[in-house]
Amino acid sequence: MSDSHDNIEAIKKAVEYFNSENVQAVIHAGDLISPFTAREFLKLKSPFLAIFGNNDGERDGLRKVYQNMCYLDDFNEISIDNLQFAVIHGTNPALVESLMGCSKYDVVVTGHTHQIEIREGETMLINPGETCGYLTGDKTVVLLDEDDLSHEVHYL
């Protein structure tokens, strides 16, 4: 998921969906925005992994309330079931493309554009669109099967 932008109702729906699917982990590719969003993410039954986006201005407050869930930074490398993930918000498209060309990662998760983009290849790119629905009108997340890298776009 990405770009939840304080939309609490959309976050609640995403958390309910992830819990109903018994996901192994939730990755958020940035733009959480406010510390009060942590209350909803605490309801997840799985680990929550997140990074900062370009609109996350209150970084000290976000770090404080999310400290027991995840360590927030601008970039993160995550291992899940022998898959290597690079997570970056995506404000620099050239950097995203560099990560895609790096054989170190199986999946690059990004956000920022609020547009769903999924590219398969040696390294898979997943931009789940926007959880908030503010720009496109669509509130989306992507569910990835770590066994075969099949994916499903879910509309909240």
C-alpha atoms as a PDB file:
ATOM      1  CA  MET A   1       0.000   0.000   0.000  1.00  0.00           C
ATOM      2  CA  SER A   2       1.014   3.604  -0.397  1.00  0.00           C
ATOM      3  CA  ASP A   3      -0.198   7.173  -0.117  1.00  0.00           C
ATOM      4  CA  SER A   4      -2.817   6.767   2.598  1.00  0.00           C
ATOM      5  CA  HIS A   5      -2.669  10.532   3.295  1.00  0.00           C
ATOM      6  CA  ASP A   6      -4.605  10.519   6.595  1.00  0.00           C
ATOM      7  CA  ASN A   7      -7.714   8.942   5.053  1.00  0.00           C
ATOM      8  CA  ILE A   8      -8.718   7.061   8.194  1.00  0.00           C
ATOM      9  CA  GLU A   9     -11.726   5.348   6.601  1.00  0.00           C
ATOM     10  CA  ALA A  10      -9.548   4.018   3.780  1.00  0.00           C
ATOM     11  CA  ILE A  11      -6.874   2.920   6.262  1.00  0.00           C
ATOM     12  CA  LYS A  12      -9.518   1.084   8.323  1.00  0.00           C
ATOM     13  CA  LYS A  13     -10.742  -0.715   5.192  1.00  0.00           C
ATOM     14  CA  ALA A  14      -7.176  -1.640   4.219  1.00  0.00           C
ATOM     15  CA  VAL A  15      -6.421  -2.983   7.705  1.00  0.00           C
ATOM     16  CA  GLU A  16      -9.666  -5.006   7.702  1.00  0.00           C
ATOM     17  CA  TYR A  17      -8.828  -6.408   4.270  1.00  0.00           C
ATOM     18  CA  PHE A  18      -5.252  -7.349   5.197  1.00  0.00           C
ATOM     19  CA  ASN A  19      -6.425  -8.981   8.431  1.00  0.00           C
ATOM     20  CA  SER A  20      -9.138 -10.936   6.599  1.00  0.00           C
ATOM     21  CA  GLU A  21      -6.533 -12.208   4.117  1.00  0.00           C
ATOM     22  CA  ASN A  22      -4.095 -13.177   6.903  1.00  0.00           C
ATOM     23  CA  VAL A  23      -1.235 -11.428   5.122  1.00  0.00           C
ATOM     24  CA  GLN A  24       2.296 -12.131   6.246  1.00  0.00           C
ATOM     25  CA  ALA A  25       3.317  -8.442   6.246  1.00  0.00           C
ATOM     26  CA  VAL A  26       2.055  -5.036   5.141  1.00  0.00           C
ATOM     27  CA  ILE A  27       4.443  -2.717   3.306  1.00  0.00           C
ATOM     28  CA  HIS A  28       3.539   0.992   3.132  1.00  0.00           C
ATOM     29  CA  ALA A  29       5.513   2.974   0.526  1.00  0.00           C
ATOM     30  CA  GLY A  30       5.119   6.374   2.156  1.00  0.00           C
ATOM     31  CA  ASP A  31       2.864   9.370   2.753  1.00  0.00           C
ATOM     32  CA  LEU A  32       1.367   8.270   6.045  1.00  0.00           C
ATOM     33  CA  ILE A  33       1.162  12.023   6.827  1.00  0.00           C
ATOM     34  CA  SER A  34       0.088  12.296  10.506  1.00  0.00           C
ATOM     35  CA  PRO A  35       0.986  10.433  13.674  1.00  0.00           C
ATOM     36  CA  PHE A  36      -2.681   9.716  14.482  1.00  0.00           C
ATOM     37  CA  THR A  37      -2.773   7.183  11.631  1.00  0.00           C
ATOM     38  CA  ALA A  38      -0.761   4.775  13.811  1.00  0.00           C
ATOM     39  CA  ARG A  39      -3.870   3.931  15.874  1.00  0.00           C
ATOM     40  CA  GLU A  40      -5.407   2.162  12.881  1.00  0.00           C
ATOM     41  CA  PHE A  41      -2.220   0.417  11.742  1.00  0.00           C
ATOM     42  CA  LEU A  42      -1.786  -0.971  15.276  1.00  0.00           C
ATOM     43  CA  LYS A  43      -4.876  -3.107  14.555  1.00  0.00           C
ATOM     44  CA  LEU A  44      -2.982  -5.102  11.929  1.00  0.00           C
ATOM     45  CA  LYS A  45      -2.446  -8.755  12.813  1.00  0.00           C
ATOM     46  CA  SER A  46       0.773  -8.829  10.761  1.00  0.00           C
ATOM     47  CA  PRO A  47       4.006  -6.841  10.854  1.00  0.00           C
ATOM     48  CA  PHE A  48       3.814  -3.315   9.433  1.00  0.00           C
ATOM     49  CA  LEU A  49       6.785  -1.992   7.452  1.00  0.00           C
ATOM     50  CA  ALA A  50       6.746   1.592   6.234  1.00  0.00           C
ATOM     51  CA  ILE A  51       8.908   4.366   4.873  1.00  0.00           C
ATOM     52  CA  PHE A  52       8.547   8.129   4.619  1.00  0.00           C
ATOM     53  CA  GLY A  53       7.016   9.825   1.609  1.00  0.00           C
ATOM     54  CA  ASN A  54       7.533  13.365   0.404  1.00  0.00           C
ATOM     55  CA  ASN A  55       4.483  14.651   2.319  1.00  0.00           C
ATOM     56  CA  ASP A  56       5.497  13.180   5.673  1.00  0.00           C
ATOM     57  CA  GLY A  57       6.529  16.468   7.259  1.00  0.00           C
ATOM     58  CA  GLU A  58       6.141  15.567  10.923  1.00  0.00           C
ATOM     59  CA  ARG A  59       8.883  12.962  10.862  1.00  0.00           C
ATOM     60  CA  ASP A  60       9.805  13.115  14.552  1.00  0.00           C
ATOM     61  CA  GLY A  61       6.171  12.621  15.578  1.00  0.00           C
ATOM     62  CA  LEU A  62       5.737   9.784  13.071  1.00  0.00           C
ATOM     63  CA  ARG A  63       8.915   8.053  14.264  1.00  0.00           C
ATOM     64  CA  LYS A  64       7.743   8.307  17.871  1.00  0.00           C
ATOM     65  CA  VAL A  65       4.286   6.766  17.380  1.00  0.00           C
ATOM     66  CA  TYR A  66       5.447   4.130  14.883  1.00  0.00           C
ATOM     67  CA  GLN A  67       8.599   3.131  16.809  1.00  0.00           C
ATOM     68  CA  ASN A  68       7.071  -0.089  18.147  1.00  0.00           C
ATOM     69  CA  MET A  69       5.803  -1.107  14.692  1.00  0.00           C
ATOM     70  CA  CYS A  70       8.605  -0.144  12.339  1.00  0.00           C
ATOM     71  CA  TYR A  71      11.599   2.095  11.832  1.00  0.00           C
ATOM     72  CA  LEU A  72      10.718   4.910   9.447  1.00  0.00           C
ATOM     73  CA  ASP A  73      13.254   6.217   6.957  1.00  0.00           C
ATOM     74  CA  ASP A  74      13.326   7.276   3.281  1.00  0.00           C
ATOM     75  CA  PHE A  75      14.346   3.823   2.051  1.00  0.00           C
ATOM     76  CA  ASN A  76      14.169   0.299   3.376  1.00  0.00           C
ATOM     77  CA  GLU A  77      15.360  -3.146   2.370  1.00  0.00           C
ATOM     78  CA  ILE A  78      13.123  -5.963   3.542  1.00  0.00           C
ATOM     79  CA  SER A  79      13.468  -9.756   3.380  1.00  0.00           C
ATOM     80  CA  ILE A  80      10.296 -11.851   3.407  1.00  0.00           C
ATOM     81  CA  ASP A  81      10.451 -15.582   2.650  1.00  0.00           C
ATOM     82  CA  ASN A  82      13.764 -15.320   0.781  1.00  0.00           C
ATOM     83  CA  LEU A  83      12.474 -12.411  -1.328  1.00  0.00           C
ATOM     84  CA  GLN A  84      14.396  -9.151  -1.248  1.00  0.00           C
ATOM     85  CA  PHE A  85      12.289  -5.980  -1.358  1.00  0.00           C
ATOM     86  CA  ALA A  86      13.436  -2.406  -1.910  1.00  0.00           C
ATOM     87  CA  VAL A  87      10.885   0.122  -0.657  1.00  0.00           C
ATOM     88  CA  ILE A  88      11.125   3.742  -1.764  1.00  0.00           C
ATOM     89  CA  HIS A  89       8.450   6.404  -2.159  1.00  0.00           C
ATOM     90  CA  GLY A  90       9.445   7.200  -5.733  1.00  0.00           C
ATOM     91  CA  THR A  91       9.945  10.950  -6.001  1.00  0.00           C
ATOM     92  CA  ASN A  92      13.072  10.236  -8.056  1.00  0.00           C
ATOM     93  CA  PRO A  93      12.084   8.027 -11.039  1.00  0.00           C
ATOM     94  CA  ALA A  94      15.733   7.542 -12.046  1.00  0.00           C
ATOM     95  CA  LEU A  95      16.507   6.066  -8.642  1.00  0.00           C
ATOM     96  CA  VAL A  96      13.519   3.712  -8.921  1.00  0.00           C
ATOM     97  CA  GLU A  97      14.787   2.568 -12.340  1.00  0.00           C
ATOM     98  CA  SER A  98      18.263   2.024 -10.876  1.00  0.00           C
ATOM     99  CA  LEU A  99      16.784  -0.191  -8.182  1.00  0.00           C
ATOM    100  CA  MET A 100      14.878  -2.090 -10.868  1.00  0.00           C
ATOM    101  CA  GLY A 101      18.141  -2.734 -12.709  1.00  0.00           C
ATOM    102  CA  CYS A 102      19.859  -3.989  -9.576  1.00  0.00           C
ATOM    103  CA  SER A 103      19.763  -7.778  -9.407  1.00  0.00           C
ATOM    104  CA  LYS A 104      19.831  -7.508  -5.603  1.00  0.00           C
ATOM    105  CA  TYR A 105      16.036  -7.074  -5.380  1.00  0.00           C
ATOM    106  CA  ASP A 106      13.176  -9.337  -6.357  1.00  0.00           C
ATOM    107  CA  VAL A 107      10.570  -6.602  -5.861  1.00  0.00           C
ATOM    108  CA  VAL A 108      10.692  -2.800  -5.754  1.00  0.00           C
ATOM    109  CA  VAL A 109       7.701  -1.258  -3.987  1.00  0.00           C
ATOM    110  CA  THR A 110       7.064   2.403  -4.662  1.00  0.00           C
ATOM    111  CA  GLY A 111       4.299   4.986  -4.518  1.00  0.00           C
ATOM    112  CA  HIS A 112       4.122   8.767  -5.019  1.00  0.00           C
ATOM    113  CA  THR A 113       2.363   8.849  -8.408  1.00  0.00           C
ATOM    114  CA  HIS A 114      -0.989   7.647  -7.013  1.00  0.00           C
ATOM    115  CA  GLN A 115      -1.200   5.458 -10.134  1.00  0.00           C
ATOM    116  CA  ILE A 116      -1.196   1.670 -10.114  1.00  0.00           C
ATOM    117  CA  GLU A 117       1.817   0.298 -11.930  1.00  0.00           C
ATOM    118  CA  ILE A 118       2.943  -3.303 -11.919  1.00  0.00           C
ATOM    119  CA  ARG A 119       5.856  -4.459 -14.039  1.00  0.00           C
ATOM    120  CA  GLU A 120       6.976  -8.034 -14.097  1.00  0.00           C
ATOM    121  CA  GLY A 121      10.508  -9.061 -14.972  1.00  0.00           C
ATOM    122  CA  GLU A 122      13.741 -10.056 -13.291  1.00  0.00           C
ATOM    123  CA  THR A 123      12.843  -7.424 -10.701  1.00  0.00           C
ATOM    124  CA  MET A 124       9.147  -6.752 -10.207  1.00  0.00           C
ATOM    125  CA  LEU A 125       7.868  -3.207  -9.698  1.00  0.00           C
ATOM    126  CA  ILE A 126       4.748  -2.647  -7.629  1.00  0.00           C
ATOM    127  CA  ASN A 127       3.152   0.752  -7.226  1.00  0.00           C
ATOM    128  CA  PRO A 128      -0.159  -0.003  -5.505  1.00  0.00           C
ATOM    129  CA  GLY A 129      -1.683   3.343  -6.448  1.00  0.00           C
ATOM    130  CA  GLU A 130      -3.266   5.327  -3.651  1.00  0.00           C
ATOM    131  CA  THR A 131      -4.969   4.043  -0.553  1.00  0.00           C
ATOM    132  CA  CYS A 132      -6.519   7.470   0.058  1.00  0.00           C
ATOM    133  CA  GLY A 133      -8.343   7.785  -3.272  1.00  0.00           C
ATOM    134  CA  TYR A 134      -7.897  11.565  -3.313  1.00  0.00           C
ATOM    135  CA  LEU A 135      -6.455  11.974  -6.817  1.00  0.00           C
ATOM    136  CA  THR A 136      -7.872   9.081  -8.825  1.00  0.00           C
ATOM    137  CA  GLY A 137     -11.014   8.321  -6.871  1.00  0.00           C
ATOM    138  CA  ASP A 138      -9.797   4.731  -6.496  1.00  0.00           C
ATOM    139  CA  LYS A 139      -8.670   3.455  -3.101  1.00  0.00           C
ATOM    140  CA  THR A 140      -6.308   0.583  -3.864  1.00  0.00           C
ATOM    141  CA  VAL A 141      -3.829  -1.827  -2.335  1.00  0.00           C
ATOM    142  CA  VAL A 142      -1.987  -4.748  -3.922  1.00  0.00           C
ATOM    143  CA  LEU A 143      -1.779  -8.237  -2.495  1.00  0.00           C
ATOM    144  CA  LEU A 144       1.338 -10.155  -3.542  1.00  0.00           C
ATOM    145  CA  ASP A 145       1.750 -13.919  -3.270  1.00  0.00           C
ATOM    146  CA  GLU A 146       5.366 -14.457  -2.245  1.00  0.00           C
ATOM    147  CA  ASP A 147       5.411 -18.000  -3.645  1.00  0.00           C
ATOM    148  CA  ASP A 148       4.871 -17.166  -7.317  1.00  0.00           C
ATOM    149  CA  LEU A 149       4.770 -13.335  -7.333  1.00  0.00           C
ATOM    150  CA  SER A 150       1.201 -13.353  -8.563  1.00  0.00           C
ATOM    151  CA  HIS A 151      -0.662 -10.253  -7.515  1.00  0.00           C
ATOM    152  CA  GLU A 152      -4.117  -8.838  -7.071  1.00  0.00           C
ATOM    153  CA  VAL A 153      -5.165  -5.190  -7.091  1.00  0.00           C
ATOM    154  CA  HIS A 154      -7.843  -4.750  -4.440  1.00  0.00           C
ATOM    155  CA  TYR A 155     -10.238  -1.807  -4.461  1.00  0.00           C
ATOM    156  CA  LEU A 156     -11.248  -0.742  -0.955  1.00  0.00           C
END
